[in-house]
N, C-alpha and C. Protein backbone atom coordinates (compact mmCIF):
# COMPACT_ATOMS: atom_id res chain seq x y z
N MET A 1 -47.27 64.26 -63.29
CA MET A 1 -45.86 64.81 -63.55
C MET A 1 -44.76 63.83 -62.74
N ILE A 2 -43.68 63.27 -63.16
CA ILE A 2 -42.87 62.62 -62.78
C ILE A 2 -41.60 63.19 -62.67
N ILE A 3 -40.87 63.43 -61.12
CA ILE A 3 -39.64 64.17 -60.91
C ILE A 3 -38.54 63.20 -60.42
N ASP A 4 -37.56 63.29 -61.18
CA ASP A 4 -36.39 62.36 -60.76
C ASP A 4 -35.19 63.48 -60.13
N LEU A 5 -35.43 63.19 -59.00
CA LEU A 5 -34.27 64.17 -57.99
C LEU A 5 -33.08 63.70 -57.73
N GLY A 6 -32.05 64.70 -57.93
CA GLY A 6 -30.66 64.04 -58.20
C GLY A 6 -30.59 63.08 -59.31
N CYS A 7 -31.08 63.60 -60.35
CA CYS A 7 -30.94 62.61 -61.53
C CYS A 7 -29.68 62.40 -62.16
N GLY A 8 -28.75 63.35 -62.23
CA GLY A 8 -27.39 63.14 -62.78
C GLY A 8 -27.68 62.82 -64.21
N GLN A 9 -27.02 61.74 -64.73
CA GLN A 9 -26.85 61.46 -66.21
C GLN A 9 -27.80 60.57 -66.60
N ALA A 10 -28.59 59.83 -65.56
CA ALA A 10 -29.44 58.81 -65.67
C ALA A 10 -30.84 59.07 -65.35
N LYS A 11 -31.63 59.93 -65.99
CA LYS A 11 -32.89 60.43 -65.74
C LYS A 11 -33.66 59.37 -65.98
N THR A 12 -34.80 59.18 -64.99
CA THR A 12 -35.90 58.29 -65.34
C THR A 12 -36.78 58.64 -66.48
N PRO A 13 -37.07 57.87 -67.35
CA PRO A 13 -37.62 58.31 -68.66
C PRO A 13 -38.99 59.36 -68.32
N ASN A 14 -39.21 60.18 -69.08
CA ASN A 14 -40.41 60.79 -68.96
C ASN A 14 -40.66 61.79 -67.64
N ALA A 15 -39.42 62.13 -67.10
CA ALA A 15 -39.35 62.61 -65.86
C ALA A 15 -38.79 64.16 -66.03
N ILE A 16 -39.08 64.92 -65.03
CA ILE A 16 -38.43 66.44 -65.05
C ILE A 16 -37.33 66.07 -64.06
N GLY A 17 -35.92 66.17 -64.60
CA GLY A 17 -34.86 65.74 -63.69
C GLY A 17 -34.32 66.81 -63.13
N MET A 18 -34.20 67.01 -61.58
CA MET A 18 -33.25 68.01 -60.90
C MET A 18 -32.00 67.34 -60.22
N ASP A 19 -30.83 68.36 -60.43
CA ASP A 19 -29.74 67.77 -60.09
C ASP A 19 -28.80 69.35 -59.74
N ASN A 20 -27.91 69.18 -58.95
CA ASN A 20 -27.12 70.48 -58.58
C ASN A 20 -25.91 71.02 -59.73
N VAL A 21 -26.01 70.16 -60.69
CA VAL A 21 -24.99 70.28 -61.74
C VAL A 21 -25.83 70.27 -63.16
N ALA A 22 -25.56 71.22 -64.25
CA ALA A 22 -26.02 71.33 -65.41
C ALA A 22 -25.93 70.31 -66.20
N LEU A 23 -26.07 69.18 -66.19
CA LEU A 23 -25.45 68.04 -67.08
C LEU A 23 -26.70 68.15 -68.18
N PRO A 24 -26.49 67.29 -69.33
CA PRO A 24 -27.54 66.98 -70.29
C PRO A 24 -28.86 66.66 -69.79
N GLU A 25 -28.90 65.78 -69.03
CA GLU A 25 -30.28 65.14 -68.49
C GLU A 25 -30.94 66.13 -67.65
N VAL A 26 -30.38 66.91 -66.89
CA VAL A 26 -30.99 67.66 -66.06
C VAL A 26 -31.71 68.87 -66.52
N ASP A 27 -32.88 68.97 -66.13
CA ASP A 27 -33.92 69.91 -66.57
C ASP A 27 -33.97 70.92 -65.53
N VAL A 28 -33.76 70.82 -64.16
CA VAL A 28 -33.82 72.16 -63.35
C VAL A 28 -32.45 72.10 -62.25
N VAL A 29 -31.81 72.94 -62.65
CA VAL A 29 -30.28 73.03 -61.82
C VAL A 29 -30.94 73.52 -60.42
N HIS A 30 -30.88 72.80 -59.28
CA HIS A 30 -31.27 73.27 -57.89
C HIS A 30 -30.62 72.10 -56.94
N ASP A 31 -29.92 72.63 -55.84
CA ASP A 31 -29.27 71.67 -54.78
C ASP A 31 -30.49 70.95 -53.90
N LEU A 32 -30.32 69.47 -53.79
CA LEU A 32 -31.33 68.91 -52.99
C LEU A 32 -31.46 69.43 -51.71
N LEU A 33 -30.40 70.33 -51.03
CA LEU A 33 -30.32 70.65 -49.75
C LEU A 33 -30.81 72.09 -49.43
N ASP A 34 -31.36 72.97 -50.68
CA ASP A 34 -31.56 74.18 -50.87
C ASP A 34 -33.43 74.04 -50.92
N PHE A 35 -34.25 74.25 -49.71
CA PHE A 35 -35.39 74.18 -49.73
C PHE A 35 -36.09 75.65 -49.39
N PRO A 36 -37.30 75.96 -50.23
CA PRO A 36 -37.95 74.92 -51.02
C PRO A 36 -37.55 74.31 -52.22
N TYR A 37 -37.78 73.05 -52.89
CA TYR A 37 -37.53 72.87 -54.27
C TYR A 37 -38.72 73.73 -54.99
N PRO A 38 -38.20 73.99 -56.35
CA PRO A 38 -38.98 74.77 -57.40
C PRO A 38 -40.08 74.01 -57.84
N PHE A 39 -41.01 73.43 -56.92
CA PHE A 39 -42.18 72.77 -57.64
C PHE A 39 -43.19 72.97 -56.57
N ASP A 40 -44.27 73.27 -57.04
CA ASP A 40 -45.63 73.43 -56.28
C ASP A 40 -45.93 72.43 -55.45
N ASP A 41 -46.87 72.74 -54.57
CA ASP A 41 -47.39 71.43 -53.51
C ASP A 41 -48.04 70.43 -54.25
N GLY A 42 -48.15 69.35 -53.84
CA GLY A 42 -48.73 68.35 -54.59
C GLY A 42 -48.86 68.05 -56.05
N CYS A 43 -47.61 68.50 -56.84
CA CYS A 43 -47.74 68.52 -58.42
C CYS A 43 -46.99 67.13 -59.00
N ALA A 44 -46.47 66.60 -57.89
CA ALA A 44 -45.89 65.29 -58.57
C ALA A 44 -46.94 64.12 -58.42
N ASP A 45 -46.84 63.31 -59.42
CA ASP A 45 -47.57 61.87 -59.30
C ASP A 45 -46.48 60.76 -58.48
N GLU A 46 -45.58 61.06 -59.19
CA GLU A 46 -44.09 59.88 -58.80
C GLU A 46 -42.75 60.96 -58.60
N ILE A 47 -41.93 60.57 -57.57
CA ILE A 47 -40.78 61.09 -57.51
C ILE A 47 -39.80 59.78 -57.29
N TYR A 48 -38.67 60.17 -57.94
CA TYR A 48 -37.45 59.31 -57.89
C TYR A 48 -36.52 59.41 -57.25
N PHE A 49 -35.74 58.40 -56.38
CA PHE A 49 -34.36 58.88 -55.99
C PHE A 49 -33.67 57.58 -56.53
N ASN A 50 -32.68 57.56 -57.27
CA ASN A 50 -32.14 56.72 -57.78
C ASN A 50 -30.56 56.81 -57.51
N HIS A 51 -30.11 56.23 -56.32
CA HIS A 51 -28.71 56.21 -55.95
C HIS A 51 -28.41 57.61 -55.51
N VAL A 52 -29.25 57.98 -54.82
CA VAL A 52 -28.99 59.73 -54.39
C VAL A 52 -29.13 59.61 -52.62
N ILE A 53 -29.84 59.00 -52.24
CA ILE A 53 -29.85 59.43 -50.58
C ILE A 53 -28.84 59.02 -49.82
N GLU A 54 -28.11 57.77 -50.32
CA GLU A 54 -26.86 57.55 -49.68
C GLU A 54 -25.79 58.44 -49.35
N HIS A 55 -25.89 59.43 -50.26
CA HIS A 55 -24.89 60.68 -50.45
C HIS A 55 -24.96 61.39 -49.18
N PHE A 56 -26.33 61.43 -48.33
CA PHE A 56 -26.57 62.50 -47.33
C PHE A 56 -26.53 61.74 -46.00
N SER A 57 -26.45 62.67 -45.02
CA SER A 57 -26.68 62.21 -43.76
C SER A 57 -28.11 61.87 -43.47
N LEU A 58 -28.34 61.19 -42.19
CA LEU A 58 -29.83 60.90 -41.79
C LEU A 58 -30.80 62.15 -41.75
N VAL A 59 -30.05 63.15 -41.20
CA VAL A 59 -31.09 64.49 -40.72
C VAL A 59 -31.39 65.10 -42.24
N ASP A 60 -30.24 65.17 -43.24
CA ASP A 60 -30.53 65.89 -44.47
C ASP A 60 -31.45 64.66 -45.26
N ILE A 61 -31.52 63.35 -44.97
CA ILE A 61 -32.35 62.58 -45.54
C ILE A 61 -33.78 62.84 -45.17
N GLN A 62 -33.71 62.93 -44.07
CA GLN A 62 -35.30 63.66 -43.27
C GLN A 62 -35.68 64.68 -44.15
N ARG A 63 -34.93 65.80 -44.30
CA ARG A 63 -35.39 66.96 -44.72
C ARG A 63 -35.53 66.92 -46.20
N ILE A 64 -34.80 66.13 -46.94
CA ILE A 64 -35.22 65.82 -48.27
C ILE A 64 -36.60 64.97 -48.57
N LEU A 65 -36.73 64.04 -47.69
CA LEU A 65 -38.01 63.39 -47.69
C LEU A 65 -39.29 64.13 -47.42
N LYS A 66 -38.97 65.15 -46.37
CA LYS A 66 -40.07 65.97 -46.11
C LYS A 66 -40.49 66.89 -47.27
N GLU A 67 -39.47 67.21 -47.92
CA GLU A 67 -39.86 68.24 -49.24
C GLU A 67 -40.50 67.76 -50.33
N SER A 68 -39.96 66.20 -50.46
CA SER A 68 -40.36 65.24 -51.32
C SER A 68 -41.99 65.05 -51.09
N HIS A 69 -42.55 64.94 -49.84
CA HIS A 69 -43.73 64.86 -49.25
C HIS A 69 -44.54 66.02 -49.51
N ARG A 70 -43.88 67.06 -49.64
CA ARG A 70 -44.56 68.31 -49.78
C ARG A 70 -44.97 68.33 -51.28
N ILE A 71 -44.24 68.15 -52.21
CA ILE A 71 -44.46 68.08 -53.86
C ILE A 71 -45.09 67.00 -54.27
N LEU A 72 -45.24 65.93 -53.39
CA LEU A 72 -45.97 64.65 -53.93
C LEU A 72 -47.60 64.85 -53.78
N LYS A 73 -48.14 64.30 -54.76
CA LYS A 73 -49.55 64.25 -54.65
C LYS A 73 -49.79 63.36 -53.48
N SER A 74 -51.34 63.42 -52.89
CA SER A 74 -51.78 62.27 -52.08
C SER A 74 -51.79 61.03 -52.88
N ASN A 75 -51.74 59.85 -52.38
CA ASN A 75 -51.63 58.58 -53.15
C ASN A 75 -50.29 58.63 -54.40
N GLY A 76 -49.53 59.56 -54.09
CA GLY A 76 -48.41 59.48 -54.99
C GLY A 76 -47.22 58.62 -54.47
N THR A 77 -46.47 58.24 -55.54
CA THR A 77 -45.49 57.13 -55.03
C THR A 77 -43.98 57.77 -55.08
N LEU A 78 -43.32 57.30 -53.99
CA LEU A 78 -42.03 57.52 -54.07
C LEU A 78 -41.22 56.43 -54.15
N TYR A 79 -40.22 56.66 -55.08
CA TYR A 79 -39.12 55.60 -55.47
C TYR A 79 -37.92 55.62 -54.73
N ILE A 80 -37.08 54.82 -53.90
CA ILE A 80 -35.73 55.05 -53.54
C ILE A 80 -35.23 53.89 -53.81
N ARG A 81 -33.99 53.91 -54.64
CA ARG A 81 -33.05 53.01 -55.08
C ARG A 81 -31.88 53.27 -54.34
N VAL A 82 -31.22 52.12 -53.46
CA VAL A 82 -29.86 52.57 -52.84
C VAL A 82 -29.09 51.04 -53.07
N PRO A 83 -27.72 51.09 -52.78
CA PRO A 83 -27.03 50.26 -52.66
C PRO A 83 -27.22 49.38 -51.13
N HIS A 84 -27.30 47.89 -51.57
CA HIS A 84 -27.07 47.16 -50.20
C HIS A 84 -25.95 47.66 -49.34
N ILE A 85 -25.94 47.51 -47.94
CA ILE A 85 -24.64 47.67 -47.21
C ILE A 85 -23.65 46.55 -47.52
N TYR A 86 -24.03 45.41 -47.85
CA TYR A 86 -23.06 44.36 -48.05
C TYR A 86 -22.60 44.15 -49.45
N SER A 87 -23.11 45.02 -50.30
CA SER A 87 -22.97 45.07 -51.72
C SER A 87 -21.53 45.85 -51.99
N VAL A 88 -20.45 45.85 -52.77
CA VAL A 88 -19.19 46.26 -53.14
C VAL A 88 -19.66 47.60 -53.39
N ALA A 89 -20.65 47.97 -54.17
CA ALA A 89 -21.16 49.32 -54.63
C ALA A 89 -21.61 50.37 -53.33
N ALA A 90 -22.02 49.74 -51.97
CA ALA A 90 -22.27 50.84 -51.15
C ALA A 90 -21.15 51.60 -50.38
N TRP A 91 -20.00 50.86 -50.63
CA TRP A 91 -18.70 51.66 -50.09
C TRP A 91 -17.70 51.81 -51.11
N ALA A 92 -17.98 51.48 -52.47
CA ALA A 92 -16.99 51.96 -53.27
C ALA A 92 -16.91 53.23 -53.67
N ASP A 93 -18.08 54.29 -53.67
CA ASP A 93 -17.90 55.79 -53.86
C ASP A 93 -17.82 56.42 -52.36
N PRO A 94 -16.62 57.12 -52.56
CA PRO A 94 -16.27 57.67 -51.02
C PRO A 94 -17.24 58.74 -50.72
N THR A 95 -18.29 59.32 -51.64
CA THR A 95 -19.06 60.21 -51.21
C THR A 95 -20.42 59.76 -50.48
N HIS A 96 -20.30 58.44 -50.47
CA HIS A 96 -21.77 57.69 -49.84
C HIS A 96 -21.52 57.91 -47.88
N ARG A 97 -22.46 58.48 -47.46
CA ARG A 97 -22.57 58.78 -46.04
C ARG A 97 -23.23 57.61 -45.15
N MET A 98 -24.55 57.01 -45.92
CA MET A 98 -25.12 56.03 -45.29
C MET A 98 -25.06 55.00 -45.99
N ALA A 99 -25.52 53.77 -45.13
CA ALA A 99 -25.56 52.28 -45.94
C ALA A 99 -26.93 51.83 -45.52
N PHE A 100 -27.56 51.07 -46.12
CA PHE A 100 -29.05 50.52 -45.91
C PHE A 100 -29.21 49.12 -46.23
N THR A 101 -29.99 48.39 -45.33
CA THR A 101 -30.39 46.74 -45.65
C THR A 101 -31.82 46.74 -46.15
N PHE A 102 -32.17 45.68 -46.46
CA PHE A 102 -33.80 45.61 -46.88
C PHE A 102 -34.52 46.18 -46.03
N THR A 103 -34.53 45.95 -44.87
CA THR A 103 -35.34 46.16 -43.60
C THR A 103 -35.35 47.90 -43.42
N SER A 104 -34.44 48.60 -43.76
CA SER A 104 -34.17 49.81 -43.63
C SER A 104 -35.28 50.88 -43.84
N GLY A 105 -36.17 50.06 -45.07
CA GLY A 105 -37.16 50.84 -45.65
C GLY A 105 -38.42 51.03 -44.72
N SER A 106 -38.41 49.93 -43.69
CA SER A 106 -39.63 50.10 -42.59
C SER A 106 -39.49 51.42 -41.73
N PHE A 107 -38.21 51.98 -41.95
CA PHE A 107 -38.14 53.01 -40.63
C PHE A 107 -38.74 54.14 -41.62
N PHE A 108 -39.02 54.21 -42.73
CA PHE A 108 -39.53 55.27 -43.39
C PHE A 108 -41.45 54.96 -43.49
N ASP A 109 -41.83 53.66 -42.90
CA ASP A 109 -43.11 53.67 -42.81
C ASP A 109 -43.89 53.99 -41.63
N LEU A 110 -45.08 54.82 -41.77
CA LEU A 110 -45.92 55.33 -40.76
C LEU A 110 -46.44 54.07 -39.70
N GLY A 111 -46.43 52.87 -40.43
CA GLY A 111 -47.28 51.97 -39.74
C GLY A 111 -46.04 50.83 -38.74
N ALA A 112 -44.64 51.38 -38.96
CA ALA A 112 -43.48 50.61 -38.47
C ALA A 112 -43.49 50.82 -36.89
N ASP A 113 -43.03 50.10 -36.13
CA ASP A 113 -42.57 50.15 -34.88
C ASP A 113 -41.93 51.49 -34.45
N LYS A 114 -41.12 51.85 -35.39
CA LYS A 114 -40.15 53.16 -35.00
C LYS A 114 -40.97 54.21 -35.60
N ALA A 115 -42.43 54.18 -36.00
CA ALA A 115 -42.94 55.39 -36.57
C ALA A 115 -43.18 56.69 -35.66
N TYR A 116 -43.14 56.36 -34.37
CA TYR A 116 -43.23 57.27 -33.28
C TYR A 116 -42.55 58.70 -33.53
N TYR A 117 -41.08 58.40 -34.10
CA TYR A 117 -40.29 59.59 -34.02
C TYR A 117 -40.28 60.34 -35.33
N LYS A 118 -41.40 60.04 -36.30
CA LYS A 118 -41.47 60.80 -37.48
C LYS A 118 -42.37 62.03 -37.23
N GLU A 119 -42.13 62.81 -38.02
CA GLU A 119 -43.03 64.27 -37.98
C GLU A 119 -44.41 63.83 -38.78
N LEU A 120 -45.58 64.36 -38.23
CA LEU A 120 -46.60 64.02 -38.85
C LEU A 120 -46.66 64.46 -40.42
N ASN A 121 -45.86 65.35 -40.81
CA ASN A 121 -46.06 65.88 -42.23
C ASN A 121 -45.11 65.31 -42.95
N ASN A 122 -44.55 64.20 -42.50
CA ASN A 122 -43.55 63.24 -43.34
C ASN A 122 -44.09 61.87 -43.18
N ARG A 123 -45.09 61.45 -43.43
CA ARG A 123 -45.35 59.82 -43.09
C ARG A 123 -45.52 59.36 -44.66
N TRP A 124 -45.07 58.16 -44.73
CA TRP A 124 -45.26 57.32 -45.80
C TRP A 124 -45.69 55.87 -45.43
N LYS A 125 -46.06 55.38 -46.44
CA LYS A 125 -46.63 54.08 -46.24
C LYS A 125 -45.77 53.01 -47.32
N LEU A 126 -45.16 52.32 -46.56
CA LEU A 126 -44.20 51.37 -47.51
C LEU A 126 -45.26 50.26 -48.28
N ILE A 127 -44.91 50.32 -49.59
CA ILE A 127 -45.63 49.58 -50.32
C ILE A 127 -44.97 48.12 -50.79
N SER A 128 -43.73 48.27 -51.19
CA SER A 128 -42.95 47.04 -51.24
C SER A 128 -41.41 47.31 -51.16
N THR A 129 -40.74 46.20 -51.14
CA THR A 129 -39.08 46.44 -51.10
C THR A 129 -38.89 45.21 -52.10
N SER A 130 -37.91 45.49 -53.06
CA SER A 130 -37.45 44.59 -53.82
C SER A 130 -35.91 44.72 -54.20
N SER A 131 -35.32 43.84 -54.63
CA SER A 131 -33.90 43.84 -55.23
C SER A 131 -33.56 43.79 -56.57
N ARG A 132 -32.07 44.22 -57.13
CA ARG A 132 -31.77 43.53 -58.40
C ARG A 132 -30.22 43.04 -57.81
N VAL A 133 -29.69 42.32 -58.47
CA VAL A 133 -28.47 41.72 -58.11
C VAL A 133 -27.41 41.74 -59.14
N ILE A 134 -26.41 41.95 -59.21
CA ILE A 134 -25.13 41.54 -60.48
C ILE A 134 -24.19 40.93 -59.55
N MET A 135 -23.91 39.44 -59.84
CA MET A 135 -23.09 38.75 -59.20
C MET A 135 -21.76 38.97 -59.13
N PHE A 136 -21.16 39.08 -60.37
CA PHE A 136 -19.84 39.48 -60.55
C PHE A 136 -19.26 40.25 -61.48
N ASN A 137 -20.15 40.71 -62.30
CA ASN A 137 -19.95 41.90 -63.46
C ASN A 137 -18.80 41.46 -64.43
N TRP A 138 -18.74 40.38 -65.00
CA TRP A 138 -18.15 39.72 -66.00
C TRP A 138 -17.88 40.80 -67.06
N LYS A 139 -16.64 40.90 -67.79
CA LYS A 139 -16.25 41.54 -68.97
C LYS A 139 -16.57 40.81 -70.14
N ARG A 140 -16.41 39.37 -70.09
CA ARG A 140 -16.42 38.55 -71.32
C ARG A 140 -17.96 38.13 -71.31
N TYR A 141 -18.44 38.31 -72.77
CA TYR A 141 -19.79 38.16 -73.20
C TYR A 141 -20.49 36.84 -72.52
N ARG A 142 -19.83 35.87 -72.75
CA ARG A 142 -20.52 34.32 -72.49
C ARG A 142 -20.59 34.38 -71.04
N MET A 143 -19.57 34.82 -70.13
CA MET A 143 -19.77 34.94 -68.88
C MET A 143 -20.93 36.03 -68.15
N ARG A 144 -20.84 36.90 -68.93
CA ARG A 144 -22.03 37.85 -68.70
C ARG A 144 -23.26 37.37 -68.87
N LYS A 145 -23.48 36.48 -69.50
CA LYS A 145 -24.93 35.83 -69.89
C LYS A 145 -25.09 34.86 -68.60
N VAL A 146 -24.03 34.29 -68.26
CA VAL A 146 -24.40 33.24 -67.39
C VAL A 146 -24.47 34.11 -65.88
N ASP A 147 -23.70 35.10 -65.44
CA ASP A 147 -23.87 36.10 -64.55
C ASP A 147 -25.30 36.60 -64.65
N THR A 148 -25.80 36.98 -65.75
CA THR A 148 -27.02 37.65 -65.58
C THR A 148 -28.26 36.53 -65.28
N TRP A 149 -27.94 35.19 -65.91
CA TRP A 149 -28.87 34.31 -65.43
C TRP A 149 -28.68 34.01 -63.83
N ILE A 150 -27.66 33.80 -63.40
CA ILE A 150 -27.36 33.47 -61.91
C ILE A 150 -27.95 34.63 -61.08
N SER A 151 -27.75 36.08 -61.53
CA SER A 151 -28.03 37.20 -60.90
C SER A 151 -29.68 37.46 -60.92
N ASN A 152 -30.27 37.13 -61.82
CA ASN A 152 -31.67 36.92 -61.68
C ASN A 152 -32.16 35.90 -61.01
N LEU A 153 -31.69 34.79 -60.85
CA LEU A 153 -32.07 33.96 -60.00
C LEU A 153 -32.13 34.29 -58.66
N PHE A 154 -30.89 34.70 -58.22
CA PHE A 154 -30.60 35.26 -56.86
C PHE A 154 -31.80 36.43 -56.70
N ALA A 155 -32.12 37.28 -57.35
CA ALA A 155 -33.11 38.62 -57.17
C ALA A 155 -34.27 37.94 -57.05
N ARG A 156 -34.71 36.88 -57.82
CA ARG A 156 -35.92 36.27 -57.58
C ARG A 156 -36.04 35.93 -56.08
N PHE A 157 -35.14 35.21 -56.04
CA PHE A 157 -34.76 34.39 -54.45
C PHE A 157 -35.15 35.46 -53.33
N PHE A 158 -34.27 36.38 -53.49
CA PHE A 158 -34.34 37.45 -52.30
C PHE A 158 -35.67 38.27 -52.41
N ASN A 159 -36.18 38.54 -53.71
CA ASN A 159 -37.56 39.00 -53.55
C ASN A 159 -38.72 38.15 -52.93
N TRP A 160 -38.36 37.13 -53.23
CA TRP A 160 -39.46 36.05 -52.57
C TRP A 160 -39.23 35.75 -51.09
N MET A 161 -37.85 36.10 -50.59
CA MET A 161 -37.65 36.13 -49.15
C MET A 161 -38.28 37.57 -48.28
N LEU A 162 -38.37 38.59 -49.20
CA LEU A 162 -38.73 39.86 -48.87
C LEU A 162 -40.13 39.72 -48.76
N ARG A 163 -40.83 39.20 -49.49
CA ARG A 163 -42.38 39.15 -49.40
C ARG A 163 -42.94 38.01 -48.20
N GLN A 164 -41.93 37.48 -47.91
CA GLN A 164 -42.12 36.40 -46.75
C GLN A 164 -42.25 37.32 -45.27
N ALA A 165 -43.17 37.43 -44.39
CA ALA A 165 -43.43 37.96 -43.19
C ALA A 165 -42.23 37.64 -42.25
N ASP A 166 -41.81 36.38 -42.29
CA ASP A 166 -40.90 36.09 -41.58
C ASP A 166 -39.34 36.05 -41.82
N PHE A 167 -39.09 36.51 -43.28
CA PHE A 167 -37.88 36.23 -43.55
C PHE A 167 -37.27 37.68 -44.01
N PRO A 168 -37.58 38.80 -44.22
CA PRO A 168 -36.90 40.00 -44.48
C PRO A 168 -35.59 40.10 -44.15
N GLY A 169 -35.36 39.96 -43.04
CA GLY A 169 -34.01 40.03 -42.25
C GLY A 169 -32.70 38.94 -42.85
N SER A 170 -33.56 37.74 -43.26
CA SER A 170 -32.79 36.65 -43.86
C SER A 170 -32.11 36.91 -45.14
N ALA A 171 -32.82 38.04 -46.10
CA ALA A 171 -32.40 38.34 -47.25
C ALA A 171 -31.19 39.01 -47.04
N ASP A 172 -30.73 39.93 -45.98
CA ASP A 172 -29.78 40.57 -45.68
C ASP A 172 -28.48 39.67 -45.24
N ILE A 173 -28.88 38.52 -44.45
CA ILE A 173 -28.03 37.55 -43.83
C ILE A 173 -27.28 37.06 -45.38
N LEU A 174 -28.13 36.70 -46.06
CA LEU A 174 -27.79 36.18 -47.50
C LEU A 174 -27.04 36.91 -48.37
N VAL A 175 -27.38 38.08 -48.37
CA VAL A 175 -26.51 38.74 -49.30
C VAL A 175 -25.06 38.94 -48.66
N LYS A 176 -24.92 39.06 -47.31
CA LYS A 176 -23.64 39.35 -46.46
C LYS A 176 -22.72 37.85 -46.92
N ILE A 177 -23.25 36.84 -46.89
CA ILE A 177 -22.51 35.60 -47.05
C ILE A 177 -22.28 35.38 -48.43
N LEU A 178 -22.97 35.88 -49.45
CA LEU A 178 -22.65 35.68 -50.83
C LEU A 178 -21.76 36.51 -51.49
N PRO A 179 -20.97 35.94 -52.62
CA PRO A 179 -19.91 36.95 -53.04
C PRO A 179 -20.64 37.69 -54.20
N VAL A 180 -21.47 38.63 -53.96
CA VAL A 180 -22.17 39.32 -54.58
C VAL A 180 -21.56 40.85 -54.86
N PHE A 181 -21.42 41.23 -56.30
CA PHE A 181 -20.63 42.25 -56.83
C PHE A 181 -21.54 43.69 -56.23
N PHE A 182 -22.92 43.47 -56.59
CA PHE A 182 -23.70 44.64 -56.28
C PHE A 182 -25.32 43.96 -56.41
N VAL A 183 -25.89 44.53 -55.05
CA VAL A 183 -27.12 44.45 -54.85
C VAL A 183 -27.72 45.99 -54.67
N GLU A 184 -29.02 45.78 -55.37
CA GLU A 184 -29.82 47.41 -55.23
C GLU A 184 -30.93 47.01 -54.47
N ILE A 185 -31.36 48.06 -53.54
CA ILE A 185 -32.58 47.85 -52.93
C ILE A 185 -33.27 48.84 -53.53
N GLU A 186 -34.78 48.60 -53.77
CA GLU A 186 -35.75 49.63 -54.16
C GLU A 186 -36.85 49.47 -53.08
N TRP A 187 -37.26 50.56 -52.64
CA TRP A 187 -38.42 50.72 -51.91
C TRP A 187 -39.37 51.59 -52.36
N GLN A 188 -40.76 51.24 -52.43
CA GLN A 188 -41.88 51.96 -52.97
C GLN A 188 -42.63 52.78 -51.90
N LEU A 189 -42.84 53.77 -51.81
CA LEU A 189 -43.47 54.18 -50.54
C LEU A 189 -44.73 55.00 -51.12
N CYS A 190 -45.87 55.25 -50.66
CA CYS A 190 -46.89 55.85 -51.01
C CYS A 190 -47.09 57.02 -50.09
N LYS A 191 -47.67 58.52 -50.38
CA LYS A 191 -47.91 59.43 -49.47
C LYS A 191 -49.41 59.21 -49.39
N PRO A 192 -49.90 58.94 -48.08
CA PRO A 192 -51.36 58.55 -47.75
C PRO A 192 -52.08 59.71 -47.83
N GLU A 193 -53.46 59.78 -48.19
CA GLU A 193 -54.31 60.88 -47.96
C GLU A 193 -54.36 61.37 -46.79
N GLN A 194 -54.23 62.76 -46.62
CA GLN A 194 -54.13 63.47 -45.34
C GLN A 194 -55.69 63.49 -44.80
């Protein structure tokens, strides 16, 4: 089973969508801060948060991830997508409460230096960090094609930097100095076997 929590109108294909508003894509109307969620323990193979967790405080994010941990199967995958802190999109929405860098995903990882503050029943293994880039968001067709080509080039470069052990923070610095319209971060986390 695939569950898209906070799906809004952009539900992940083949997923059960949950949100607090009864929109056409929403299958289960339920607030993310109302625990427990209406799903059984260990029922999901994959869980998606597509531009959701940045709308919550750190305490609420920890509670949401703990509940996600409960409903995800062992070795299941959690996908989290957020706007990068230096991207215009990070602060364009006034309901955003948190901002993230590429390296923020390591704070969810049980093997990270800061893992000591995590609860034992909310442990994750960070599998990967990747990016998607939109440089300028042109309206004209010809410029959109150029923008797409440049954006894909920068995304490949950022993703190469993120795979290098010595460079993950360098990708954050590069996003800060480039005139990018939108940079999306995706963390892929796994629920380890207990």
